[in-house]
Structures are given as structure tokens and as C-alpha cells.
N, C-alpha and C. Protein backbone atom coordinates (compact mmCIF):
# COMPACT_ATOMS: atom_id res chain seq x y z
N MET A 1 -40.03 -15.65 3.87
CA MET A 1 -39.36 -15.44 2.50
C MET A 1 -38.21 -16.46 2.38
N HIS A 2 -38.05 -16.94 1.32
CA HIS A 2 -36.96 -17.87 0.80
C HIS A 2 -35.65 -17.04 1.04
N ILE A 3 -34.65 -17.76 1.56
CA ILE A 3 -33.40 -17.18 1.83
C ILE A 3 -32.71 -16.66 0.57
N ILE A 4 -32.83 -17.30 -0.59
CA ILE A 4 -32.21 -16.71 -1.82
C ILE A 4 -32.97 -15.46 -2.15
N SER A 5 -34.24 -15.36 -2.07
CA SER A 5 -34.99 -14.19 -2.40
C SER A 5 -34.49 -13.09 -1.49
N GLN A 6 -34.40 -13.29 -0.28
CA GLN A 6 -33.97 -12.22 0.61
C GLN A 6 -32.53 -11.77 0.38
N SER A 7 -31.66 -12.67 0.03
CA SER A 7 -30.35 -12.22 -0.22
C SER A 7 -30.17 -11.48 -1.47
N LEU A 8 -31.03 -11.93 -2.53
CA LEU A 8 -31.01 -11.11 -3.71
C LEU A 8 -31.58 -9.75 -3.48
N LEU A 9 -32.77 -9.62 -2.62
CA LEU A 9 -33.28 -8.33 -2.37
C LEU A 9 -32.34 -7.43 -1.72
N ASP A 10 -31.63 -8.10 -0.84
CA ASP A 10 -30.53 -7.24 0.05
C ASP A 10 -29.42 -6.73 -0.93
N GLY A 11 -29.14 -7.36 -1.93
CA GLY A 11 -28.07 -7.01 -2.79
C GLY A 11 -28.48 -6.00 -3.91
N LEU A 12 -29.69 -5.83 -4.05
CA LEU A 12 -30.19 -4.95 -5.23
C LEU A 12 -30.01 -3.42 -4.79
N SER A 13 -29.61 -2.65 -5.76
CA SER A 13 -29.42 -1.22 -5.58
C SER A 13 -29.63 -0.54 -6.89
N LEU A 14 -29.96 0.78 -6.82
CA LEU A 14 -30.11 1.52 -7.99
C LEU A 14 -29.12 2.62 -8.07
N ALA A 15 -28.76 3.01 -9.25
CA ALA A 15 -27.83 4.07 -9.44
C ALA A 15 -28.35 5.08 -10.42
N GLY A 16 -27.81 6.28 -10.42
CA GLY A 16 -28.20 7.29 -11.44
C GLY A 16 -27.47 6.95 -12.74
N GLY A 17 -27.18 8.00 -13.49
CA GLY A 17 -26.37 7.73 -14.65
C GLY A 17 -27.19 7.55 -15.87
N GLY A 18 -28.44 7.61 -15.89
CA GLY A 18 -29.28 7.51 -17.05
C GLY A 18 -29.67 6.14 -17.53
N VAL A 19 -29.18 5.10 -16.80
CA VAL A 19 -29.52 3.69 -17.17
C VAL A 19 -30.91 3.47 -16.62
N PRO A 20 -31.88 2.99 -17.45
CA PRO A 20 -33.20 2.85 -17.00
C PRO A 20 -33.23 1.87 -15.70
N ILE A 21 -34.12 2.02 -14.87
CA ILE A 21 -34.24 1.20 -13.67
C ILE A 21 -34.47 -0.23 -13.98
N TYR A 22 -35.34 -0.58 -15.01
CA TYR A 22 -35.59 -2.00 -15.28
C TYR A 22 -34.32 -2.56 -15.79
N VAL A 23 -33.52 -1.88 -16.54
CA VAL A 23 -32.29 -2.50 -17.13
C VAL A 23 -31.29 -2.68 -15.94
N GLN A 24 -31.20 -1.86 -14.98
CA GLN A 24 -30.36 -2.02 -13.82
C GLN A 24 -30.79 -3.30 -13.05
N LEU A 25 -32.11 -3.42 -12.91
CA LEU A 25 -32.61 -4.62 -12.15
C LEU A 25 -32.30 -5.84 -12.91
N ARG A 26 -32.56 -5.88 -14.28
CA ARG A 26 -32.37 -7.14 -15.04
C ARG A 26 -30.93 -7.46 -15.01
N ASP A 27 -30.05 -6.40 -15.16
CA ASP A 27 -28.65 -6.70 -15.13
C ASP A 27 -28.10 -7.28 -13.86
N GLN A 28 -28.61 -6.83 -12.74
CA GLN A 28 -28.24 -7.33 -11.44
C GLN A 28 -28.68 -8.76 -11.21
N VAL A 29 -29.84 -9.19 -11.75
CA VAL A 29 -30.30 -10.48 -11.65
C VAL A 29 -29.38 -11.28 -12.51
N LEU A 30 -29.05 -10.87 -13.69
CA LEU A 30 -28.13 -11.67 -14.62
C LEU A 30 -26.82 -11.83 -13.93
N ALA A 31 -26.34 -10.84 -13.33
CA ALA A 31 -25.04 -10.95 -12.59
C ALA A 31 -25.12 -11.94 -11.41
N ALA A 32 -26.18 -11.96 -10.69
CA ALA A 32 -26.36 -12.97 -9.77
C ALA A 32 -26.39 -14.33 -10.17
N LEU A 33 -26.93 -14.54 -11.43
CA LEU A 33 -26.92 -15.83 -12.05
C LEU A 33 -25.47 -16.12 -12.49
N GLY A 34 -24.80 -15.17 -13.05
CA GLY A 34 -23.44 -15.50 -13.51
C GLY A 34 -22.51 -15.78 -12.39
N GLU A 35 -22.73 -15.12 -11.30
CA GLU A 35 -21.90 -15.39 -10.15
C GLU A 35 -22.24 -16.68 -9.24
N GLY A 36 -23.35 -17.31 -9.70
CA GLY A 36 -23.71 -18.45 -9.00
C GLY A 36 -24.58 -18.26 -7.72
N ARG A 37 -24.93 -16.99 -7.48
CA ARG A 37 -25.73 -16.65 -6.25
C ARG A 37 -27.22 -17.09 -6.49
N LEU A 38 -27.58 -17.24 -7.82
CA LEU A 38 -28.94 -17.74 -8.10
C LEU A 38 -28.68 -19.03 -8.86
N LYS A 39 -29.42 -20.04 -8.54
CA LYS A 39 -29.30 -21.35 -9.25
C LYS A 39 -30.60 -21.85 -9.78
N PRO A 40 -30.55 -22.72 -10.77
CA PRO A 40 -31.78 -23.23 -11.32
C PRO A 40 -32.69 -23.67 -10.20
N GLY A 41 -33.97 -23.32 -10.41
CA GLY A 41 -35.06 -23.70 -9.44
C GLY A 41 -35.19 -22.80 -8.32
N ASP A 42 -34.30 -21.85 -8.01
CA ASP A 42 -34.41 -20.82 -6.99
C ASP A 42 -35.62 -19.95 -7.25
N GLN A 43 -36.43 -19.64 -6.21
CA GLN A 43 -37.61 -18.77 -6.49
C GLN A 43 -37.03 -17.31 -6.35
N MET A 44 -37.66 -16.59 -7.26
CA MET A 44 -37.34 -15.18 -7.35
C MET A 44 -38.24 -14.34 -6.35
N PRO A 45 -37.70 -13.20 -5.91
CA PRO A 45 -38.54 -12.36 -5.08
C PRO A 45 -39.86 -11.97 -5.89
N THR A 46 -40.94 -11.81 -5.26
CA THR A 46 -42.18 -11.35 -6.02
C THR A 46 -41.90 -9.95 -6.56
N LEU A 47 -42.79 -9.63 -7.59
CA LEU A 47 -42.63 -8.32 -8.18
C LEU A 47 -42.92 -7.19 -6.99
N ARG A 48 -43.89 -7.40 -6.17
CA ARG A 48 -44.14 -6.53 -5.19
C ARG A 48 -43.10 -6.35 -4.18
N GLN A 49 -42.35 -7.49 -3.83
CA GLN A 49 -41.27 -7.45 -2.87
C GLN A 49 -40.06 -6.59 -3.33
N VAL A 50 -39.84 -6.77 -4.66
CA VAL A 50 -38.81 -5.98 -5.32
C VAL A 50 -39.16 -4.45 -5.39
N ALA A 51 -40.39 -4.23 -5.73
CA ALA A 51 -40.92 -2.81 -5.86
C ALA A 51 -40.87 -2.15 -4.61
N VAL A 52 -41.32 -2.83 -3.50
CA VAL A 52 -41.30 -2.22 -2.13
C VAL A 52 -39.94 -1.92 -1.67
N THR A 53 -39.09 -2.95 -1.81
CA THR A 53 -37.65 -2.91 -1.35
C THR A 53 -36.89 -1.79 -2.02
N LEU A 54 -37.09 -1.51 -3.42
CA LEU A 54 -36.39 -0.47 -4.09
C LEU A 54 -37.15 0.74 -4.17
N ARG A 55 -38.49 0.79 -3.74
CA ARG A 55 -39.31 1.88 -3.72
C ARG A 55 -39.53 2.38 -5.19
N ILE A 56 -39.86 1.41 -6.08
CA ILE A 56 -40.08 1.71 -7.46
C ILE A 56 -41.47 1.21 -7.89
N ASP A 57 -41.90 1.65 -9.01
CA ASP A 57 -43.20 1.15 -9.57
C ASP A 57 -43.24 -0.34 -9.97
N LEU A 58 -44.24 -0.90 -9.63
CA LEU A 58 -44.45 -2.37 -9.91
C LEU A 58 -44.26 -2.65 -11.37
N ASN A 59 -44.71 -1.79 -12.26
CA ASN A 59 -44.65 -2.08 -13.75
C ASN A 59 -43.14 -1.93 -14.09
N THR A 60 -42.22 -1.29 -13.37
CA THR A 60 -40.92 -1.31 -13.75
C THR A 60 -40.26 -2.68 -13.43
N VAL A 61 -40.63 -3.29 -12.26
CA VAL A 61 -40.11 -4.57 -11.93
C VAL A 61 -40.70 -5.57 -13.02
N ARG A 62 -42.03 -5.46 -13.31
CA ARG A 62 -42.60 -6.35 -14.27
C ARG A 62 -41.86 -6.37 -15.54
N HIS A 63 -41.43 -5.13 -16.01
CA HIS A 63 -40.64 -4.88 -17.31
C HIS A 63 -39.37 -5.78 -17.18
N ALA A 64 -38.62 -5.60 -16.06
CA ALA A 64 -37.38 -6.39 -15.85
C ALA A 64 -37.63 -7.90 -15.92
N TYR A 65 -38.65 -8.34 -15.19
CA TYR A 65 -38.93 -9.77 -15.17
C TYR A 65 -39.49 -10.27 -16.54
N ASP A 66 -40.19 -9.44 -17.18
CA ASP A 66 -40.52 -9.90 -18.52
C ASP A 66 -39.40 -10.04 -19.50
N GLU A 67 -38.40 -9.23 -19.41
CA GLU A 67 -37.17 -9.40 -20.28
C GLU A 67 -36.43 -10.55 -19.82
N LEU A 68 -36.33 -10.79 -18.50
CA LEU A 68 -35.66 -11.94 -17.96
C LEU A 68 -36.26 -13.26 -18.53
N GLU A 69 -37.62 -13.22 -18.42
CA GLU A 69 -38.41 -14.41 -18.90
C GLU A 69 -38.20 -14.56 -20.44
N ALA A 70 -38.15 -13.42 -21.27
CA ALA A 70 -37.98 -13.58 -22.72
C ALA A 70 -36.53 -14.10 -23.04
N MET A 71 -35.64 -13.76 -22.14
CA MET A 71 -34.20 -14.27 -22.37
C MET A 71 -34.04 -15.66 -21.97
N GLY A 72 -35.07 -16.19 -21.22
CA GLY A 72 -35.00 -17.61 -20.75
C GLY A 72 -34.30 -17.83 -19.40
N ALA A 73 -33.95 -16.75 -18.72
CA ALA A 73 -33.30 -16.65 -17.53
C ALA A 73 -34.23 -17.07 -16.35
N ILE A 74 -35.52 -16.68 -16.48
CA ILE A 74 -36.48 -17.09 -15.38
C ILE A 74 -37.73 -17.63 -16.12
N ARG A 75 -38.68 -18.32 -15.40
CA ARG A 75 -39.88 -18.74 -15.81
C ARG A 75 -41.00 -18.31 -14.78
N LEU A 76 -42.05 -18.08 -15.35
CA LEU A 76 -43.25 -17.60 -14.47
C LEU A 76 -44.17 -18.87 -14.40
N GLU A 77 -44.49 -19.26 -13.17
CA GLU A 77 -45.46 -20.28 -12.95
C GLU A 77 -46.69 -19.65 -12.28
N ARG A 78 -47.75 -19.57 -12.96
CA ARG A 78 -49.00 -18.89 -12.48
C ARG A 78 -49.33 -19.46 -11.16
N GLY A 79 -49.55 -18.58 -10.16
CA GLY A 79 -50.01 -18.98 -8.89
C GLY A 79 -48.83 -19.37 -7.97
N ARG A 80 -47.68 -19.51 -8.54
CA ARG A 80 -46.55 -20.01 -7.68
C ARG A 80 -45.46 -18.94 -7.62
N GLY A 81 -45.24 -18.23 -8.67
CA GLY A 81 -44.13 -17.28 -8.63
C GLY A 81 -43.22 -17.40 -9.79
N SER A 82 -42.12 -16.75 -9.75
CA SER A 82 -41.05 -16.80 -10.72
C SER A 82 -39.88 -17.55 -10.24
N PHE A 83 -39.26 -18.31 -11.11
CA PHE A 83 -38.17 -19.22 -10.68
C PHE A 83 -37.01 -19.13 -11.71
N VAL A 84 -35.79 -19.45 -11.20
CA VAL A 84 -34.69 -19.36 -12.08
C VAL A 84 -34.70 -20.64 -12.96
N ASN A 85 -34.64 -20.47 -14.26
CA ASN A 85 -34.71 -21.55 -15.21
C ASN A 85 -33.41 -22.41 -15.23
N ALA A 86 -33.62 -23.62 -15.48
CA ALA A 86 -32.46 -24.49 -15.79
C ALA A 86 -31.90 -24.22 -17.17
N PRO A 87 -30.72 -24.28 -17.42
CA PRO A 87 -30.12 -23.98 -18.70
C PRO A 87 -30.83 -25.02 -19.79
N PRO A 88 -31.06 -24.47 -20.99
CA PRO A 88 -31.69 -25.31 -22.08
C PRO A 88 -30.81 -26.44 -22.50
N ALA A 89 -31.30 -27.45 -23.16
CA ALA A 89 -30.45 -28.46 -23.61
C ALA A 89 -29.41 -27.90 -24.57
N PRO A 90 -28.31 -28.49 -24.70
CA PRO A 90 -27.31 -27.86 -25.66
C PRO A 90 -27.82 -27.92 -27.14
N PRO A 91 -27.59 -26.94 -27.78
CA PRO A 91 -28.04 -26.78 -29.19
C PRO A 91 -27.08 -27.57 -30.15
N ASP A 92 -27.44 -27.84 -31.28
CA ASP A 92 -26.53 -28.51 -32.29
C ASP A 92 -25.39 -27.61 -32.46
N ALA A 93 -24.31 -28.09 -33.06
CA ALA A 93 -23.06 -27.32 -33.11
C ALA A 93 -23.19 -26.05 -33.91
N ALA A 94 -23.93 -25.93 -35.02
CA ALA A 94 -24.09 -24.82 -35.69
C ALA A 94 -24.89 -23.74 -35.00
N GLN A 95 -25.89 -24.12 -34.22
CA GLN A 95 -26.70 -23.20 -33.42
C GLN A 95 -25.81 -22.79 -32.20
N HIS A 96 -25.05 -23.69 -31.66
CA HIS A 96 -24.19 -23.27 -30.65
C HIS A 96 -23.23 -22.09 -30.95
N ASP A 97 -22.58 -22.35 -32.15
CA ASP A 97 -21.71 -21.31 -32.72
C ASP A 97 -22.43 -19.89 -32.92
N ARG A 98 -23.54 -19.99 -33.49
CA ARG A 98 -24.37 -18.71 -33.69
C ARG A 98 -24.70 -18.16 -32.32
N ASP A 99 -25.15 -18.94 -31.30
CA ASP A 99 -25.49 -18.34 -30.02
C ASP A 99 -24.28 -17.74 -29.44
N LEU A 100 -23.18 -18.36 -29.58
CA LEU A 100 -21.88 -17.79 -28.92
C LEU A 100 -21.53 -16.50 -29.66
N ASP A 101 -21.56 -16.46 -30.97
CA ASP A 101 -21.31 -15.25 -31.75
C ASP A 101 -22.31 -14.12 -31.27
N ASP A 102 -23.63 -14.42 -31.15
CA ASP A 102 -24.61 -13.41 -30.69
C ASP A 102 -24.24 -12.92 -29.27
N ALA A 103 -23.87 -13.78 -28.37
CA ALA A 103 -23.63 -13.36 -26.98
C ALA A 103 -22.27 -12.48 -27.10
N ALA A 104 -21.33 -12.93 -27.88
CA ALA A 104 -20.05 -12.23 -27.87
C ALA A 104 -20.29 -10.84 -28.42
N ARG A 105 -21.03 -10.73 -29.54
CA ARG A 105 -21.36 -9.38 -30.14
C ARG A 105 -22.04 -8.47 -29.20
N GLN A 106 -23.00 -9.03 -28.36
CA GLN A 106 -23.67 -8.23 -27.47
C GLN A 106 -22.76 -7.71 -26.36
N ALA A 107 -21.88 -8.61 -25.88
CA ALA A 107 -20.98 -8.22 -24.85
C ALA A 107 -19.92 -7.16 -25.34
N ILE A 108 -19.46 -7.32 -26.59
CA ILE A 108 -18.57 -6.30 -27.22
C ILE A 108 -19.34 -5.03 -27.37
N GLY A 109 -20.53 -5.01 -27.84
CA GLY A 109 -21.25 -3.75 -27.95
C GLY A 109 -21.48 -3.05 -26.58
N LEU A 110 -21.83 -3.89 -25.56
CA LEU A 110 -22.09 -3.21 -24.26
C LEU A 110 -20.75 -2.72 -23.69
N ALA A 111 -19.60 -3.49 -23.92
CA ALA A 111 -18.31 -3.00 -23.46
C ALA A 111 -17.99 -1.59 -24.13
N ARG A 112 -18.11 -1.65 -25.50
CA ARG A 112 -17.87 -0.33 -26.14
C ARG A 112 -18.73 0.77 -25.72
N ALA A 113 -20.04 0.54 -25.53
CA ALA A 113 -20.93 1.49 -25.08
C ALA A 113 -20.56 2.17 -23.78
N ARG A 114 -19.94 1.29 -22.94
CA ARG A 114 -19.49 1.78 -21.55
C ARG A 114 -18.09 2.25 -21.61
N GLY A 115 -17.47 2.35 -22.74
CA GLY A 115 -16.07 2.87 -22.88
C GLY A 115 -15.02 1.85 -22.46
N LEU A 116 -15.38 0.56 -22.46
CA LEU A 116 -14.45 -0.49 -21.99
C LEU A 116 -13.86 -1.17 -23.29
N ASP A 117 -12.61 -1.59 -23.09
CA ASP A 117 -11.94 -2.33 -24.24
C ASP A 117 -12.48 -3.75 -24.22
N PRO A 118 -13.06 -4.28 -25.40
CA PRO A 118 -13.54 -5.60 -25.46
C PRO A 118 -12.48 -6.67 -25.06
N ASN A 119 -11.33 -6.44 -25.41
CA ASN A 119 -10.18 -7.35 -25.05
C ASN A 119 -10.03 -7.56 -23.52
N ASP A 120 -10.16 -6.42 -22.83
CA ASP A 120 -10.20 -6.47 -21.38
C ASP A 120 -11.30 -7.22 -20.86
N LEU A 121 -12.53 -7.10 -21.50
CA LEU A 121 -13.74 -7.85 -21.00
C LEU A 121 -13.50 -9.28 -21.29
N ALA A 122 -12.94 -9.72 -22.40
CA ALA A 122 -12.68 -11.09 -22.62
C ALA A 122 -11.73 -11.72 -21.60
N GLU A 123 -10.69 -11.00 -21.26
CA GLU A 123 -9.77 -11.43 -20.25
C GLU A 123 -10.51 -11.51 -18.84
N ARG A 124 -11.38 -10.67 -18.58
CA ARG A 124 -12.05 -10.60 -17.25
C ARG A 124 -13.10 -11.78 -17.20
N ILE A 125 -13.76 -12.03 -18.40
CA ILE A 125 -14.67 -13.16 -18.44
C ILE A 125 -13.92 -14.43 -18.22
N SER A 126 -12.77 -14.59 -18.80
CA SER A 126 -11.99 -15.82 -18.59
C SER A 126 -11.54 -16.00 -17.18
N ALA A 127 -11.23 -14.90 -16.42
CA ALA A 127 -10.83 -14.98 -15.11
C ALA A 127 -11.92 -15.35 -14.17
N LEU A 128 -13.10 -14.59 -14.46
CA LEU A 128 -14.31 -14.78 -13.64
C LEU A 128 -14.89 -16.25 -13.77
N THR A 129 -14.77 -16.86 -15.00
CA THR A 129 -15.28 -18.18 -15.23
C THR A 129 -14.41 -19.16 -14.44
N LYS A 130 -13.21 -18.91 -14.27
CA LYS A 130 -12.31 -19.74 -13.45
C LYS A 130 -12.56 -19.74 -11.98
N GLU A 131 -13.14 -18.65 -11.50
CA GLU A 131 -13.51 -18.37 -10.12
C GLU A 131 -14.84 -18.98 -9.77
N THR A 132 -15.73 -19.04 -10.63
CA THR A 132 -17.09 -19.50 -10.26
C THR A 132 -17.15 -21.06 -10.28
N PRO A 133 -18.03 -21.60 -9.36
CA PRO A 133 -18.12 -23.06 -9.18
C PRO A 133 -18.48 -23.80 -10.41
N ASP A 134 -19.32 -23.22 -11.24
CA ASP A 134 -19.73 -23.85 -12.52
C ASP A 134 -18.85 -23.50 -13.63
N GLY A 135 -17.76 -22.73 -13.50
CA GLY A 135 -16.92 -22.34 -14.56
C GLY A 135 -16.34 -23.32 -15.32
């Protein structure tokens, strides 16, 4: 197994609290992308590897991977597996601003849903961006 896949598998965990398992899995993969632990071109663990490691249903993993693919974070190559996508080409300025607004609104909504202050989130994002190699 590819080292990236194994390190990702080793870092996955599930918690209670009513958050659906596929959402937890999706969010952990997105966090690994944000932290730079996953890079464009890295091969993802297979659906079966994730399901066996976490002892969850294969369809739950498929749901998480489908969402990641729809978001553009990963791509499926039939017969080869799933891979981390390279970032898309930069959009035009107007689309860039709309995309930033959409991402910001989602982050604000998620923060509020979890009882967090969106301003604290903005400060944390700024600090984390400075810490990551691609920041």
C-alpha cells in the first residue's frame, strides 16, 4: 500500500455526536488536504481499505468519496483508483470572488452550527495558512 494511503488510514477515526460517518470521513480527508498531508496526485486508499479499517459499510465510504469527487477534491480513474486532484485553473476575477464568497459563507455557517465565533475561525484560518507549506 502506498505510504500516503497508509498514513491517511492511520489518521482516520470516528466520533459520536450525531455527525454522519460519511461527513466525518469527508471532513477528515479535506482536513488532510488543507494540512498538506495529501498532495495532488496522491492515491487515496481504496473504498474497501477505508471500510475495513474503520469497520463501516462500504456504501458509507462510497458516499464520502462521491462527495469529495463532486467537490473536485479527488478524481476517480476507473481501474486505477482514486487520486487527489490538482487545483483547477484560476477562475476569472468575478468567478474567483463568487467562489470566495461561497466558501466563506459555508465556513461561517459551519462555525455557527458548531457554536463557534466566525471571527475566531477567520483568525484561525489566517494563522493556519501561515503554518502550511503552501500557505
